[in-house]
Amino acid sequence: MKISKLLNLCAVLLVIPFSASGDIFFSLDKLKPKKEKSSNSNFQVPETKVDPSKFKLTGIVDGRVKMAIINGKLVKISDKIDSCVVRKIQPKKGVVTLDCNGYDINLMLNEFKGSRH
């Protein structure tokens, strides 16, 4: 009984679909699941950009663990602040990079603004 099931399975796997022209090749698109159309035509993708002016960088701590003071809160890399994540803290440049829904926001200390490092 087990051998006959195995042979049936092999027979199913060996069947090669033919196109109308007799070619043995076929489009892989036929294997892809069809996308469902949204039933709600009023659906809109929410805005993903964040206003950088809502973040105020007031300090950076350089040490074994780099930290920054943003909006009065002490944060380190990978901490969340509002809907953003702290990605990079650069004390020598006075810059902190936030990832806000896929958009990078660079915050700069006032002492470093206008200077080139």
C-alpha atoms as a PDB file:
ATOM      1  CA  MET A   1       0.000   0.000   0.000  1.00  0.00           C
ATOM      2  CA  LYS A   2       2.778   2.437   0.870  1.00  0.00           C
ATOM      3  CA  ILE A   3       4.607   1.746  -2.396  1.00  0.00           C
ATOM      4  CA  SER A   4       1.523   2.490  -4.499  1.00  0.00           C
ATOM      5  CA  LYS A   5       1.014   5.850  -2.727  1.00  0.00           C
ATOM      6  CA  LEU A   6       4.650   6.700  -3.356  1.00  0.00           C
ATOM      7  CA  LEU A   7       4.314   5.783  -7.045  1.00  0.00           C
ATOM      8  CA  ASN A   8       1.163   7.918  -7.357  1.00  0.00           C
ATOM      9  CA  LEU A   9       2.986  10.856  -5.773  1.00  0.00           C
ATOM     10  CA  CYS A  10       5.921  10.426  -8.173  1.00  0.00           C
ATOM     11  CA  ALA A  11       3.530  10.279 -11.124  1.00  0.00           C
ATOM     12  CA  VAL A  12       1.902  13.553 -10.026  1.00  0.00           C
ATOM     13  CA  LEU A  13       5.282  15.241  -9.629  1.00  0.00           C
ATOM     14  CA  LEU A  14       6.465  14.100 -13.058  1.00  0.00           C
ATOM     15  CA  VAL A  15       3.522  15.618 -14.912  1.00  0.00           C
ATOM     16  CA  ILE A  16       4.855  18.567 -16.900  1.00  0.00           C
ATOM     17  CA  PRO A  17       2.311  21.215 -17.820  1.00  0.00           C
ATOM     18  CA  PHE A  18       2.247  22.101 -21.524  1.00  0.00           C
ATOM     19  CA  SER A  19       1.249  25.455 -22.925  1.00  0.00           C
ATOM     20  CA  ALA A  20      -1.224  25.752 -25.806  1.00  0.00           C
ATOM     21  CA  SER A  21       1.689  25.974 -28.260  1.00  0.00           C
ATOM     22  CA  GLY A  22       3.073  22.625 -27.102  1.00  0.00           C
ATOM     23  CA  ASP A  23       6.104  24.111 -25.322  1.00  0.00           C
ATOM     24  CA  ILE A  24       7.112  22.470 -22.081  1.00  0.00           C
ATOM     25  CA  PHE A  25       7.868  25.859 -20.511  1.00  0.00           C
ATOM     26  CA  PHE A  26       5.239  27.921 -18.772  1.00  0.00           C
ATOM     27  CA  SER A  27       5.061  31.249 -17.019  1.00  0.00           C
ATOM     28  CA  LEU A  28       5.808  31.244 -13.319  1.00  0.00           C
ATOM     29  CA  ASP A  29       3.116  33.910 -12.980  1.00  0.00           C
ATOM     30  CA  LYS A  30       0.576  31.107 -13.071  1.00  0.00           C
ATOM     31  CA  LEU A  31       2.033  29.772  -9.832  1.00  0.00           C
ATOM     32  CA  LYS A  32       1.898  33.080  -7.948  1.00  0.00           C
ATOM     33  CA  PRO A  33      -1.127  33.693  -5.755  1.00  0.00           C
ATOM     34  CA  LYS A  34      -3.394  36.418  -7.068  1.00  0.00           C
ATOM     35  CA  LYS A  35      -3.456  39.670  -5.166  1.00  0.00           C
ATOM     36  CA  GLU A  36      -6.766  40.416  -3.581  1.00  0.00           C
ATOM     37  CA  LYS A  37      -8.293  43.735  -4.432  1.00  0.00           C
ATOM     38  CA  SER A  38      -9.006  45.959  -1.494  1.00  0.00           C
ATOM     39  CA  SER A  39     -12.685  46.138  -0.770  1.00  0.00           C
ATOM     40  CA  ASN A  40     -12.223  49.503   0.918  1.00  0.00           C
ATOM     41  CA  SER A  41     -11.445  52.060  -1.793  1.00  0.00           C
ATOM     42  CA  ASN A  42     -11.082  54.831   0.825  1.00  0.00           C
ATOM     43  CA  PHE A  43      -8.027  53.186   2.421  1.00  0.00           C
ATOM     44  CA  GLN A  44      -5.030  55.511   2.524  1.00  0.00           C
ATOM     45  CA  VAL A  45      -1.481  54.790   3.615  1.00  0.00           C
ATOM     46  CA  PRO A  46      -0.673  56.857   6.711  1.00  0.00           C
ATOM     47  CA  GLU A  47       2.017  59.520   6.450  1.00  0.00           C
ATOM     48  CA  THR A  48       5.326  58.069   7.621  1.00  0.00           C
ATOM     49  CA  LYS A  49       7.469  61.181   7.865  1.00  0.00           C
ATOM     50  CA  VAL A  50       8.054  62.724  11.278  1.00  0.00           C
ATOM     51  CA  ASP A  51       8.606  66.415  11.901  1.00  0.00           C
ATOM     52  CA  PRO A  52      12.266  66.815  12.984  1.00  0.00           C
ATOM     53  CA  SER A  53      11.485  70.034  14.842  1.00  0.00           C
ATOM     54  CA  LYS A  54       9.705  68.046  17.561  1.00  0.00           C
ATOM     55  CA  PHE A  55      13.100  66.682  18.702  1.00  0.00           C
ATOM     56  CA  LYS A  56      15.573  68.841  20.615  1.00  0.00           C
ATOM     57  CA  LEU A  57      19.096  67.512  21.145  1.00  0.00           C
ATOM     58  CA  THR A  58      20.609  69.223  24.194  1.00  0.00           C
ATOM     59  CA  GLY A  59      23.584  67.002  25.015  1.00  0.00           C
ATOM     60  CA  ILE A  60      25.752  64.028  24.112  1.00  0.00           C
ATOM     61  CA  VAL A  61      27.662  61.838  26.579  1.00  0.00           C
ATOM     62  CA  ASP A  62      30.759  60.123  25.188  1.00  0.00           C
ATOM     63  CA  GLY A  63      31.960  57.063  27.035  1.00  0.00           C
ATOM     64  CA  ARG A  64      31.791  53.302  27.061  1.00  0.00           C
ATOM     65  CA  VAL A  65      28.082  53.675  26.299  1.00  0.00           C
ATOM     66  CA  LYS A  66      27.324  56.702  24.154  1.00  0.00           C
ATOM     67  CA  MET A  67      24.203  58.557  25.237  1.00  0.00           C
ATOM     68  CA  ALA A  68      22.260  61.620  24.174  1.00  0.00           C
ATOM     69  CA  ILE A  69      19.760  63.958  25.768  1.00  0.00           C
ATOM     70  CA  ILE A  70      16.770  64.395  23.486  1.00  0.00           C
ATOM     71  CA  ASN A  71      13.687  66.290  24.667  1.00  0.00           C
ATOM     72  CA  GLY A  72      15.101  66.122  28.210  1.00  0.00           C
ATOM     73  CA  LYS A  73      15.373  62.307  28.160  1.00  0.00           C
ATOM     74  CA  LEU A  74      18.634  60.365  28.390  1.00  0.00           C
ATOM     75  CA  VAL A  75      18.720  57.814  25.536  1.00  0.00           C
ATOM     76  CA  LYS A  76      21.234  55.350  24.101  1.00  0.00           C
ATOM     77  CA  ILE A  77      21.460  53.504  20.775  1.00  0.00           C
ATOM     78  CA  SER A  78      18.366  51.376  20.089  1.00  0.00           C
ATOM     79  CA  ASP A  79      16.203  53.313  22.579  1.00  0.00           C
ATOM     80  CA  LYS A  80      12.857  54.603  21.341  1.00  0.00           C
ATOM     81  CA  ILE A  81      11.784  58.194  21.572  1.00  0.00           C
ATOM     82  CA  ASP A  82       8.261  58.892  20.369  1.00  0.00           C
ATOM     83  CA  SER A  83       7.902  56.794  17.193  1.00  0.00           C
ATOM     84  CA  CYS A  84      11.638  56.862  16.400  1.00  0.00           C
ATOM     85  CA  VAL A  85      14.637  54.711  17.315  1.00  0.00           C
ATOM     86  CA  VAL A  86      18.101  56.068  18.134  1.00  0.00           C
ATOM     87  CA  ARG A  87      20.402  54.555  15.485  1.00  0.00           C
ATOM     88  CA  LYS A  88      23.699  56.445  15.802  1.00  0.00           C
ATOM     89  CA  ILE A  89      25.344  58.793  18.310  1.00  0.00           C
ATOM     90  CA  GLN A  90      28.428  60.684  17.098  1.00  0.00           C
ATOM     91  CA  PRO A  91      29.838  62.741  19.985  1.00  0.00           C
ATOM     92  CA  LYS A  92      32.774  64.237  18.036  1.00  0.00           C
ATOM     93  CA  LYS A  93      30.405  65.525  15.351  1.00  0.00           C
ATOM     94  CA  GLY A  94      27.633  66.448  17.765  1.00  0.00           C
ATOM     95  CA  VAL A  95      25.129  64.416  15.741  1.00  0.00           C
ATOM     96  CA  VAL A  96      22.465  61.876  16.700  1.00  0.00           C
ATOM     97  CA  THR A  97      20.657  59.907  13.983  1.00  0.00           C
ATOM     98  CA  LEU A  98      17.096  58.735  14.542  1.00  0.00           C
ATOM     99  CA  ASP A  99      15.243  56.199  12.409  1.00  0.00           C
ATOM    100  CA  CYS A 100      11.660  57.373  12.115  1.00  0.00           C
ATOM    101  CA  ASN A 101       9.575  54.875  10.144  1.00  0.00           C
ATOM    102  CA  GLY A 102      12.428  54.280   7.686  1.00  0.00           C
ATOM    103  CA  TYR A 103      13.418  57.949   7.421  1.00  0.00           C
ATOM    104  CA  ASP A 104      16.691  59.175   8.958  1.00  0.00           C
ATOM    105  CA  ILE A 105      16.593  62.346  11.006  1.00  0.00           C
ATOM    106  CA  ASN A 106      19.942  63.854  11.991  1.00  0.00           C
ATOM    107  CA  LEU A 107      19.855  66.022  15.102  1.00  0.00           C
ATOM    108  CA  MET A 108      22.787  68.365  15.724  1.00  0.00           C
ATOM    109  CA  LEU A 109      23.915  70.125  18.885  1.00  0.00           C
ATOM    110  CA  ASN A 110      23.765  73.925  18.647  1.00  0.00           C
ATOM    111  CA  GLU A 111      27.542  74.207  19.314  1.00  0.00           C
ATOM    112  CA  PHE A 112      28.266  72.191  16.171  1.00  0.00           C
ATOM    113  CA  LYS A 113      25.812  73.892  13.827  1.00  0.00           C
ATOM    114  CA  GLY A 114      27.613  75.882  11.176  1.00  0.00           C
ATOM    115  CA  SER A 115      31.030  74.379  11.947  1.00  0.00           C
ATOM    116  CA  ARG A 116      32.787  71.746   9.862  1.00  0.00           C
ATOM    117  CA  HIS A 117      34.308  68.731  11.642  1.00  0.00           C
END
